[in-house]
Amino acid sequence: MPKVTFLAHETICPDGAELEVDSGVSVLDAALLNGIELEHACEKSCSCTTCHVIIREGFDSLEEATELEEDMLDKAWGLDAESRLSCQAIVADEDLVVEIPKYTINIVSENH
């Protein structure tokens, strides 16, 4: 069972977290199922960038981003070469280390 490690984030996950998850689940769903309240204003439909994360380890184990995801990522704050929308990044068989960016493009939190 792969592990997804979330690095500490000041407000969303202050202590960081290490989760064992099933392959085939999105990084966003792994977070939400474990009490990490990542923003997801478009309800996981790849229509915004509020669930943007940076995959610090294990990036190459993920399927390539679609053109739609790439287009959305172009609008994300703090874009990195290893950025993904967590709603589209599906955990495979390799462990991941995930950084939650400090900001999103939302001015106000949606508090899902």
C-alpha atoms as a PDB file:
ATOM      1  CA  MET A   1       0.000   0.000   0.000  1.00  0.00           C
ATOM      2  CA  PRO A   2       1.608   3.305  -1.053  1.00  0.00           C
ATOM      3  CA  LYS A   3       2.193   6.138   1.406  1.00  0.00           C
ATOM      4  CA  VAL A   4       1.341   9.770   0.744  1.00  0.00           C
ATOM      5  CA  THR A   5       3.285  12.146   2.962  1.00  0.00           C
ATOM      6  CA  PHE A   6       1.970  15.693   3.240  1.00  0.00           C
ATOM      7  CA  LEU A   7       4.622  18.172   4.290  1.00  0.00           C
ATOM      8  CA  ALA A   8       3.641  20.588   7.053  1.00  0.00           C
ATOM      9  CA  HIS A   9       1.500  23.554   5.952  1.00  0.00           C
ATOM     10  CA  GLU A  10       0.915  26.414   8.381  1.00  0.00           C
ATOM     11  CA  THR A  11      -2.888  26.243   8.390  1.00  0.00           C
ATOM     12  CA  ILE A  12      -4.079  23.191   6.445  1.00  0.00           C
ATOM     13  CA  CYS A  13      -1.806  20.524   7.921  1.00  0.00           C
ATOM     14  CA  PRO A  14       0.435  22.097  10.598  1.00  0.00           C
ATOM     15  CA  ASP A  15       2.103  18.850  11.673  1.00  0.00           C
ATOM     16  CA  GLY A  16       2.272  17.224   8.254  1.00  0.00           C
ATOM     17  CA  ALA A  17       0.841  13.749   7.759  1.00  0.00           C
ATOM     18  CA  GLU A  18       1.839  10.318   6.507  1.00  0.00           C
ATOM     19  CA  LEU A  19      -1.061   8.329   5.076  1.00  0.00           C
ATOM     20  CA  GLU A  20      -1.349   4.801   3.741  1.00  0.00           C
ATOM     21  CA  VAL A  21      -3.729   4.889   0.783  1.00  0.00           C
ATOM     22  CA  ASP A  22      -5.052   2.552  -1.856  1.00  0.00           C
ATOM     23  CA  SER A  23      -3.643   2.824  -5.355  1.00  0.00           C
ATOM     24  CA  GLY A  24      -6.137   4.487  -7.681  1.00  0.00           C
ATOM     25  CA  VAL A  25      -7.277   7.207  -5.272  1.00  0.00           C
ATOM     26  CA  SER A  26      -6.560  10.853  -6.070  1.00  0.00           C
ATOM     27  CA  VAL A  27      -4.189  12.841  -3.887  1.00  0.00           C
ATOM     28  CA  LEU A  28      -7.132  15.137  -3.086  1.00  0.00           C
ATOM     29  CA  ASP A  29      -9.377  12.284  -1.967  1.00  0.00           C
ATOM     30  CA  ALA A  30      -6.549  10.803   0.115  1.00  0.00           C
ATOM     31  CA  ALA A  31      -6.215  14.151   1.880  1.00  0.00           C
ATOM     32  CA  LEU A  32      -9.941  14.690   2.399  1.00  0.00           C
ATOM     33  CA  LEU A  33     -10.510  11.135   3.690  1.00  0.00           C
ATOM     34  CA  ASN A  34      -7.861  11.796   6.314  1.00  0.00           C
ATOM     35  CA  GLY A  35      -9.040  15.197   7.541  1.00  0.00           C
ATOM     36  CA  ILE A  36      -6.705  17.355   5.456  1.00  0.00           C
ATOM     37  CA  GLU A  37      -9.036  20.006   4.076  1.00  0.00           C
ATOM     38  CA  LEU A  38      -7.470  20.911   0.731  1.00  0.00           C
ATOM     39  CA  GLU A  39      -9.405  23.496  -1.225  1.00  0.00           C
ATOM     40  CA  HIS A  40     -11.371  22.129  -4.187  1.00  0.00           C
ATOM     41  CA  ALA A  41     -13.694  24.896  -5.364  1.00  0.00           C
ATOM     42  CA  CYS A  42     -14.718  23.122  -8.588  1.00  0.00           C
ATOM     43  CA  GLU A  43     -15.658  19.898  -6.778  1.00  0.00           C
ATOM     44  CA  LYS A  44     -12.862  17.858  -8.438  1.00  0.00           C
ATOM     45  CA  SER A  45     -13.810  18.635 -12.042  1.00  0.00           C
ATOM     46  CA  CYS A  46     -10.438  20.041 -13.194  1.00  0.00           C
ATOM     47  CA  SER A  47     -11.962  23.504 -13.612  1.00  0.00           C
ATOM     48  CA  CYS A  48      -9.897  25.536 -11.146  1.00  0.00           C
ATOM     49  CA  THR A  49      -6.525  25.470  -9.421  1.00  0.00           C
ATOM     50  CA  THR A  50      -7.490  25.563  -5.760  1.00  0.00           C
ATOM     51  CA  CYS A  51      -6.317  21.971  -5.178  1.00  0.00           C
ATOM     52  CA  HIS A  52      -2.865  22.656  -6.679  1.00  0.00           C
ATOM     53  CA  VAL A  53      -0.054  20.740  -4.973  1.00  0.00           C
ATOM     54  CA  ILE A  54       3.606  20.100  -5.678  1.00  0.00           C
ATOM     55  CA  ILE A  55       4.727  16.463  -5.798  1.00  0.00           C
ATOM     56  CA  ARG A  56       8.196  16.585  -4.206  1.00  0.00           C
ATOM     57  CA  GLU A  57       8.833  12.827  -4.468  1.00  0.00           C
ATOM     58  CA  GLY A  58       7.213  10.201  -6.674  1.00  0.00           C
ATOM     59  CA  PHE A  59       6.159  12.614  -9.436  1.00  0.00           C
ATOM     60  CA  ASP A  60       7.221  10.235 -12.207  1.00  0.00           C
ATOM     61  CA  SER A  61       4.932   7.493 -10.870  1.00  0.00           C
ATOM     62  CA  LEU A  62       1.856   9.575 -11.728  1.00  0.00           C
ATOM     63  CA  GLU A  63       0.190   9.440 -15.122  1.00  0.00           C
ATOM     64  CA  GLU A  64       0.976  12.468 -17.250  1.00  0.00           C
ATOM     65  CA  ALA A  65      -1.266  15.487 -16.819  1.00  0.00           C
ATOM     66  CA  THR A  66      -3.895  16.005 -19.492  1.00  0.00           C
ATOM     67  CA  GLU A  67      -3.852  19.093 -21.679  1.00  0.00           C
ATOM     68  CA  LEU A  68      -6.809  20.467 -19.693  1.00  0.00           C
ATOM     69  CA  GLU A  69      -4.950  20.034 -16.405  1.00  0.00           C
ATOM     70  CA  GLU A  70      -1.839  21.675 -17.880  1.00  0.00           C
ATOM     71  CA  ASP A  71      -3.950  24.627 -19.034  1.00  0.00           C
ATOM     72  CA  MET A  72      -5.435  25.010 -15.548  1.00  0.00           C
ATOM     73  CA  LEU A  73      -2.024  24.725 -13.889  1.00  0.00           C
ATOM     74  CA  ASP A  74      -0.824  27.689 -15.944  1.00  0.00           C
ATOM     75  CA  LYS A  75      -3.128  29.782 -13.731  1.00  0.00           C
ATOM     76  CA  ALA A  76      -1.903  28.392 -10.397  1.00  0.00           C
ATOM     77  CA  TRP A  77       0.013  30.458  -7.860  1.00  0.00           C
ATOM     78  CA  GLY A  78       3.550  29.189  -7.232  1.00  0.00           C
ATOM     79  CA  LEU A  79       3.655  26.852 -10.229  1.00  0.00           C
ATOM     80  CA  ASP A  80       6.543  24.372 -10.174  1.00  0.00           C
ATOM     81  CA  ALA A  81       7.777  21.769 -12.663  1.00  0.00           C
ATOM     82  CA  GLU A  82       6.280  19.099 -10.375  1.00  0.00           C
ATOM     83  CA  SER A  83       2.922  20.835  -9.853  1.00  0.00           C
ATOM     84  CA  ARG A  84      -0.306  18.884 -10.234  1.00  0.00           C
ATOM     85  CA  LEU A  85      -3.967  19.384  -9.480  1.00  0.00           C
ATOM     86  CA  SER A  86      -4.519  17.001  -6.588  1.00  0.00           C
ATOM     87  CA  CYS A  87      -7.958  16.060  -7.951  1.00  0.00           C
ATOM     88  CA  GLN A  88      -6.280  14.720 -11.099  1.00  0.00           C
ATOM     89  CA  ALA A  89      -3.128  13.155  -9.591  1.00  0.00           C
ATOM     90  CA  ILE A  90      -3.938   9.483  -9.034  1.00  0.00           C
ATOM     91  CA  VAL A  91      -1.746   7.531  -6.612  1.00  0.00           C
ATOM     92  CA  ALA A  92      -0.076   4.569  -8.325  1.00  0.00           C
ATOM     93  CA  ASP A  93       2.150   2.064  -6.489  1.00  0.00           C
ATOM     94  CA  GLU A  94       4.925   4.440  -5.446  1.00  0.00           C
ATOM     95  CA  ASP A  95       5.090   6.604  -2.316  1.00  0.00           C
ATOM     96  CA  LEU A  96       4.519  10.339  -2.767  1.00  0.00           C
ATOM     97  CA  VAL A  97       5.671  13.410  -0.871  1.00  0.00           C
ATOM     98  CA  VAL A  98       3.265  16.311  -1.341  1.00  0.00           C
ATOM     99  CA  GLU A  99       3.749  20.002  -0.620  1.00  0.00           C
ATOM    100  CA  ILE A 100       0.661  22.171  -0.237  1.00  0.00           C
ATOM    101  CA  PRO A 101       1.450  25.658  -1.594  1.00  0.00           C
ATOM    102  CA  LYS A 102       1.119  28.580   0.777  1.00  0.00           C
ATOM    103  CA  TYR A 103      -1.549  30.279  -1.356  1.00  0.00           C
ATOM    104  CA  THR A 104      -4.263  29.506  -3.891  1.00  0.00           C
ATOM    105  CA  ILE A 105      -5.881  31.922  -6.332  1.00  0.00           C
ATOM    106  CA  ASN A 106      -8.975  32.009  -4.101  1.00  0.00           C
ATOM    107  CA  ILE A 107      -9.214  35.206  -2.106  1.00  0.00           C
ATOM    108  CA  VAL A 108     -11.536  33.581   0.426  1.00  0.00           C
ATOM    109  CA  SER A 109     -11.463  29.954   1.515  1.00  0.00           C
ATOM    110  CA  GLU A 110     -14.393  27.870   0.338  1.00  0.00           C
ATOM    111  CA  ASN A 111     -14.223  25.677   3.483  1.00  0.00           C
ATOM    112  CA  HIS A 112     -15.516  22.471   1.886  1.00  0.00           C
END
